[in-house]
């Protein structure tokens, strides 16, 4: 048990060094609507563009 906790702490520190503390904090806090928009915002924007601007009138 203690070994897995130590490995998890080492992995967390490695992720902080690699990605930064804000990313790790966001990942640990879970996802809300804001992270949904961050993850899929570009895709939503592309779909809206295609629907409204490229559809024949």
N, C-alpha and C. Protein backbone atom coordinates (compact mmCIF):
# COMPACT_ATOMS: atom_id res chain seq x y z
N UNK A 1 0.84 -1.20 0.00
CA UNK A 1 0.00 0.00 0.00
C UNK A 1 0.87 1.25 0.00
N UNK A 2 1.87 1.24 0.87
CA UNK A 2 2.73 2.42 0.96
C UNK A 2 3.55 2.60 -0.32
N UNK A 3 3.90 1.48 -0.94
CA UNK A 3 4.68 1.56 -2.18
C UNK A 3 3.85 2.18 -3.30
N UNK A 4 2.58 1.82 -3.39
CA UNK A 4 1.73 2.40 -4.44
C UNK A 4 1.49 3.89 -4.19
N UNK A 5 1.35 4.28 -2.91
CA UNK A 5 1.20 5.70 -2.60
C UNK A 5 2.46 6.47 -2.98
N UNK A 6 3.61 5.87 -2.74
CA UNK A 6 4.87 6.52 -3.10
C UNK A 6 4.99 6.63 -4.62
N UNK A 7 4.60 5.60 -5.34
CA UNK A 7 4.63 5.66 -6.80
C UNK A 7 3.67 6.71 -7.32
N UNK A 8 2.50 6.82 -6.72
CA UNK A 8 1.54 7.84 -7.14
C UNK A 8 2.08 9.24 -6.88
N UNK A 9 2.74 9.43 -5.75
CA UNK A 9 3.33 10.74 -5.44
C UNK A 9 4.46 11.07 -6.41
N UNK A 10 5.27 10.07 -6.75
CA UNK A 10 6.35 10.30 -7.71
C UNK A 10 5.78 10.62 -9.09
N UNK A 11 4.73 9.92 -9.50
CA UNK A 11 4.11 10.18 -10.80
C UNK A 11 3.50 11.58 -10.83
N UNK A 12 2.87 11.98 -9.71
CA UNK A 12 2.27 13.32 -9.63
C UNK A 12 3.35 14.39 -9.76
N UNK A 13 4.47 14.19 -9.07
CA UNK A 13 5.56 15.17 -9.14
C UNK A 13 6.13 15.21 -10.55
N UNK A 14 6.23 14.06 -11.19
CA UNK A 14 6.73 14.02 -12.57
C UNK A 14 5.78 14.78 -13.50
N UNK A 15 4.47 14.58 -13.31
CA UNK A 15 3.49 15.30 -14.13
C UNK A 15 3.55 16.80 -13.90
N UNK A 16 3.75 17.21 -12.64
CA UNK A 16 3.87 18.64 -12.34
C UNK A 16 5.09 19.21 -13.04
N UNK A 17 6.20 18.49 -12.99
CA UNK A 17 7.42 18.96 -13.66
C UNK A 17 7.22 19.04 -15.16
N UNK A 18 6.49 18.09 -15.72
CA UNK A 18 6.32 18.02 -17.17
C UNK A 18 5.25 18.98 -17.67
N UNK A 19 4.09 19.01 -17.01
CA UNK A 19 2.94 19.76 -17.52
C UNK A 19 2.64 21.05 -16.76
N UNK A 20 3.11 21.16 -15.54
CA UNK A 20 2.81 22.33 -14.72
C UNK A 20 1.74 22.02 -13.70
N UNK A 21 1.75 22.78 -12.63
CA UNK A 21 0.85 22.49 -11.51
C UNK A 21 -0.61 22.79 -11.85
N UNK A 22 -0.86 23.77 -12.72
CA UNK A 22 -2.25 24.11 -13.05
C UNK A 22 -2.93 22.95 -13.77
N UNK A 23 -2.21 22.29 -14.69
CA UNK A 23 -2.79 21.15 -15.40
C UNK A 23 -3.10 20.01 -14.44
N UNK A 24 -2.16 19.72 -13.55
CA UNK A 24 -2.35 18.61 -12.62
C UNK A 24 -3.50 18.92 -11.66
N UNK A 25 -3.59 20.15 -11.20
CA UNK A 25 -4.68 20.55 -10.30
C UNK A 25 -6.03 20.42 -11.01
N UNK A 26 -6.08 20.84 -12.28
CA UNK A 26 -7.32 20.74 -13.05
C UNK A 26 -7.71 19.28 -13.24
N UNK A 27 -6.73 18.45 -13.54
CA UNK A 27 -7.01 17.03 -13.75
C UNK A 27 -7.51 16.37 -12.47
N UNK A 28 -6.93 16.73 -11.33
CA UNK A 28 -7.32 16.12 -10.07
C UNK A 28 -8.68 16.61 -9.59
N UNK A 29 -9.05 17.84 -9.92
CA UNK A 29 -10.32 18.39 -9.46
C UNK A 29 -11.49 17.89 -10.28
N UNK A 30 -11.23 17.21 -11.36
CA UNK A 30 -12.31 16.68 -12.18
C UNK A 30 -12.71 17.70 -13.23
N UNK A 31 -13.64 17.30 -14.04
CA UNK A 31 -14.04 18.16 -15.14
C UNK A 31 -15.42 18.72 -14.88
N UNK A 32 -15.58 19.95 -15.25
CA UNK A 32 -16.88 20.60 -15.19
C UNK A 32 -17.23 21.11 -16.57
N UNK A 33 -18.18 22.01 -16.62
CA UNK A 33 -18.60 22.54 -17.91
C UNK A 33 -17.48 23.35 -18.56
N UNK A 34 -16.68 24.05 -17.76
CA UNK A 34 -15.57 24.83 -18.31
C UNK A 34 -14.54 23.97 -19.01
N UNK A 35 -14.21 22.84 -18.42
CA UNK A 35 -13.23 21.98 -19.07
C UNK A 35 -13.84 21.30 -20.30
N UNK A 36 -15.16 21.10 -20.30
CA UNK A 36 -15.82 20.57 -21.49
C UNK A 36 -15.63 21.53 -22.65
N UNK A 37 -15.82 22.83 -22.39
CA UNK A 37 -15.63 23.81 -23.46
C UNK A 37 -14.18 23.89 -23.88
N UNK A 38 -13.24 23.75 -22.93
CA UNK A 38 -11.83 23.76 -23.30
C UNK A 38 -11.50 22.56 -24.19
N UNK A 39 -12.06 21.41 -23.85
CA UNK A 39 -11.75 20.19 -24.60
C UNK A 39 -12.41 20.16 -25.97
N UNK A 40 -13.64 20.65 -26.07
CA UNK A 40 -14.40 20.50 -27.30
C UNK A 40 -14.78 21.83 -27.95
N UNK A 41 -14.25 22.93 -27.45
CA UNK A 41 -14.63 24.25 -27.95
C UNK A 41 -14.33 24.44 -29.42
N UNK A 42 -13.16 24.00 -29.86
CA UNK A 42 -12.79 24.16 -31.27
C UNK A 42 -13.72 23.33 -32.16
N UNK A 43 -14.02 22.12 -31.75
CA UNK A 43 -14.94 21.28 -32.52
C UNK A 43 -16.32 21.88 -32.60
N UNK A 44 -16.80 22.43 -31.49
CA UNK A 44 -18.11 23.09 -31.49
C UNK A 44 -18.10 24.28 -32.43
N UNK A 45 -17.02 25.07 -32.39
CA UNK A 45 -16.93 26.24 -33.26
C UNK A 45 -16.94 25.84 -34.74
N UNK A 46 -16.25 24.76 -35.08
CA UNK A 46 -16.21 24.30 -36.47
C UNK A 46 -17.60 23.85 -36.92
N UNK A 47 -18.29 23.10 -36.07
CA UNK A 47 -19.63 22.62 -36.42
C UNK A 47 -20.58 23.80 -36.60
N UNK A 48 -20.52 24.78 -35.70
CA UNK A 48 -21.38 25.96 -35.83
C UNK A 48 -21.08 26.69 -37.12
N UNK A 49 -19.79 26.83 -37.45
CA UNK A 49 -19.41 27.50 -38.70
C UNK A 49 -19.99 26.75 -39.90
N UNK A 50 -19.83 25.44 -39.92
CA UNK A 50 -20.32 24.66 -41.06
C UNK A 50 -21.84 24.74 -41.18
N UNK A 51 -22.53 24.69 -40.06
CA UNK A 51 -24.00 24.71 -40.11
C UNK A 51 -24.52 26.06 -40.57
N UNK A 52 -23.98 27.14 -40.02
CA UNK A 52 -24.56 28.46 -40.30
C UNK A 52 -24.02 29.13 -41.55
N UNK A 53 -22.79 28.85 -41.93
CA UNK A 53 -22.20 29.59 -43.04
C UNK A 53 -22.09 28.80 -44.34
N UNK A 54 -22.10 27.48 -44.25
CA UNK A 54 -21.95 26.70 -45.47
C UNK A 54 -23.23 26.00 -45.91
N UNK A 55 -24.28 26.10 -45.12
CA UNK A 55 -25.55 25.51 -45.53
C UNK A 55 -26.19 26.39 -46.60
N UNK A 56 -26.77 25.79 -47.61
CA UNK A 56 -27.45 26.61 -48.62
C UNK A 56 -28.68 27.29 -48.03
N UNK A 57 -28.91 28.48 -48.48
CA UNK A 57 -30.04 29.27 -47.95
C UNK A 57 -31.33 28.87 -48.65
